[in-house]
Amino acid sequence: MKPLLLLANAFINTFGITQPTEAAAKRASQFIAVLIGLVLLVFLGVAGVGVYILMRH
């Protein structure tokens, strides 16, 4: 979770947001991890459908 905490803190510091508590920062990093996972799943799903369509024709 360290890289995700670093990413969350970079975002917070860039936009001048008030520093969150340790628990809120951890929650934010978990949220970022879930979003990254969802983006990867969508990307892999679209790629899978593309490969399926190409192989079908």
C-alpha atoms as a PDB file:
ATOM      1  CA  MET A   1       0.000   0.000   0.000  1.00  0.00           C
ATOM      2  CA  LYS A   2       2.990   2.335   0.274  1.00  0.00           C
ATOM      3  CA  PRO A   3       2.996   3.289  -3.440  1.00  0.00           C
ATOM      4  CA  LEU A   4      -0.728   3.996  -3.264  1.00  0.00           C
ATOM      5  CA  LEU A   5      -0.292   6.121  -0.140  1.00  0.00           C
ATOM      6  CA  LEU A   6       2.441   8.022  -1.979  1.00  0.00           C
ATOM      7  CA  LEU A   7       0.072   8.562  -4.903  1.00  0.00           C
ATOM      8  CA  ALA A   8      -2.747   9.723  -2.631  1.00  0.00           C
ATOM      9  CA  ASN A   9      -0.439  12.114  -0.783  1.00  0.00           C
ATOM     10  CA  ALA A  10       0.917  13.497  -4.057  1.00  0.00           C
ATOM     11  CA  PHE A  11      -2.636  14.236  -5.189  1.00  0.00           C
ATOM     12  CA  ILE A  12      -3.505  15.841  -1.860  1.00  0.00           C
ATOM     13  CA  ASN A  13      -0.380  17.998  -1.850  1.00  0.00           C
ATOM     14  CA  THR A  14      -0.733  19.002  -5.513  1.00  0.00           C
ATOM     15  CA  PHE A  15      -4.235  20.360  -5.070  1.00  0.00           C
ATOM     16  CA  GLY A  16      -3.677  21.838  -1.614  1.00  0.00           C
ATOM     17  CA  ILE A  17      -6.214  19.655   0.126  1.00  0.00           C
ATOM     18  CA  THR A  18      -6.070  19.536   3.926  1.00  0.00           C
ATOM     19  CA  GLN A  19      -3.948  16.612   5.089  1.00  0.00           C
ATOM     20  CA  PRO A  20      -6.196  13.690   6.075  1.00  0.00           C
ATOM     21  CA  THR A  21      -5.823  11.521   9.123  1.00  0.00           C
ATOM     22  CA  GLU A  22      -3.844   8.288   8.800  1.00  0.00           C
ATOM     23  CA  ALA A  23      -7.064   6.262   8.571  1.00  0.00           C
ATOM     24  CA  ALA A  24      -8.490   8.509   5.859  1.00  0.00           C
ATOM     25  CA  ALA A  25      -5.246   8.294   3.873  1.00  0.00           C
ATOM     26  CA  LYS A  26      -5.343   4.500   4.082  1.00  0.00           C
ATOM     27  CA  ARG A  27      -8.981   4.502   2.946  1.00  0.00           C
ATOM     28  CA  ALA A  28      -8.072   6.747   0.018  1.00  0.00           C
ATOM     29  CA  SER A  29      -5.264   4.410  -1.032  1.00  0.00           C
ATOM     30  CA  GLN A  30      -7.649   1.446  -0.908  1.00  0.00           C
ATOM     31  CA  PHE A  31     -10.131   3.379  -3.045  1.00  0.00           C
ATOM     32  CA  ILE A  32      -7.381   4.113  -5.573  1.00  0.00           C
ATOM     33  CA  ALA A  33      -6.436   0.419  -5.628  1.00  0.00           C
ATOM     34  CA  VAL A  34     -10.043  -0.564  -6.347  1.00  0.00           C
ATOM     35  CA  LEU A  35     -10.301   1.991  -9.166  1.00  0.00           C
ATOM     36  CA  ILE A  36      -7.055   0.788 -10.750  1.00  0.00           C
ATOM     37  CA  GLY A  37      -8.304  -2.796 -10.511  1.00  0.00           C
ATOM     38  CA  LEU A  38     -11.604  -1.896 -12.160  1.00  0.00           C
ATOM     39  CA  VAL A  39      -9.850  -0.075 -14.994  1.00  0.00           C
ATOM     40  CA  LEU A  40      -7.647  -3.126 -15.588  1.00  0.00           C
ATOM     41  CA  LEU A  41     -10.659  -5.445 -15.604  1.00  0.00           C
ATOM     42  CA  VAL A  42     -12.501  -3.267 -18.111  1.00  0.00           C
ATOM     43  CA  PHE A  43      -9.392  -3.041 -20.303  1.00  0.00           C
ATOM     44  CA  LEU A  44      -8.887  -6.815 -20.230  1.00  0.00           C
ATOM     45  CA  GLY A  45     -12.577  -7.392 -20.950  1.00  0.00           C
ATOM     46  CA  VAL A  46     -12.529  -5.100 -23.981  1.00  0.00           C
ATOM     47  CA  ALA A  47      -9.306  -6.709 -25.214  1.00  0.00           C
ATOM     48  CA  GLY A  48     -10.824 -10.161 -24.734  1.00  0.00           C
ATOM     49  CA  VAL A  49     -13.914  -9.244 -26.729  1.00  0.00           C
ATOM     50  CA  GLY A  50     -11.688  -7.759 -29.448  1.00  0.00           C
ATOM     51  CA  VAL A  51      -9.606 -10.914 -29.677  1.00  0.00           C
ATOM     52  CA  TYR A  52     -12.751 -13.044 -29.751  1.00  0.00           C
ATOM     53  CA  ILE A  53     -14.203 -10.994 -32.619  1.00  0.00           C
ATOM     54  CA  LEU A  54     -10.944 -11.131 -34.568  1.00  0.00           C
ATOM     55  CA  MET A  55     -10.590 -14.887 -34.128  1.00  0.00           C
ATOM     56  CA  ARG A  56     -14.220 -15.503 -35.070  1.00  0.00           C
ATOM     57  CA  HIS A  57     -13.889 -13.951 -38.522  1.00  0.00           C
END
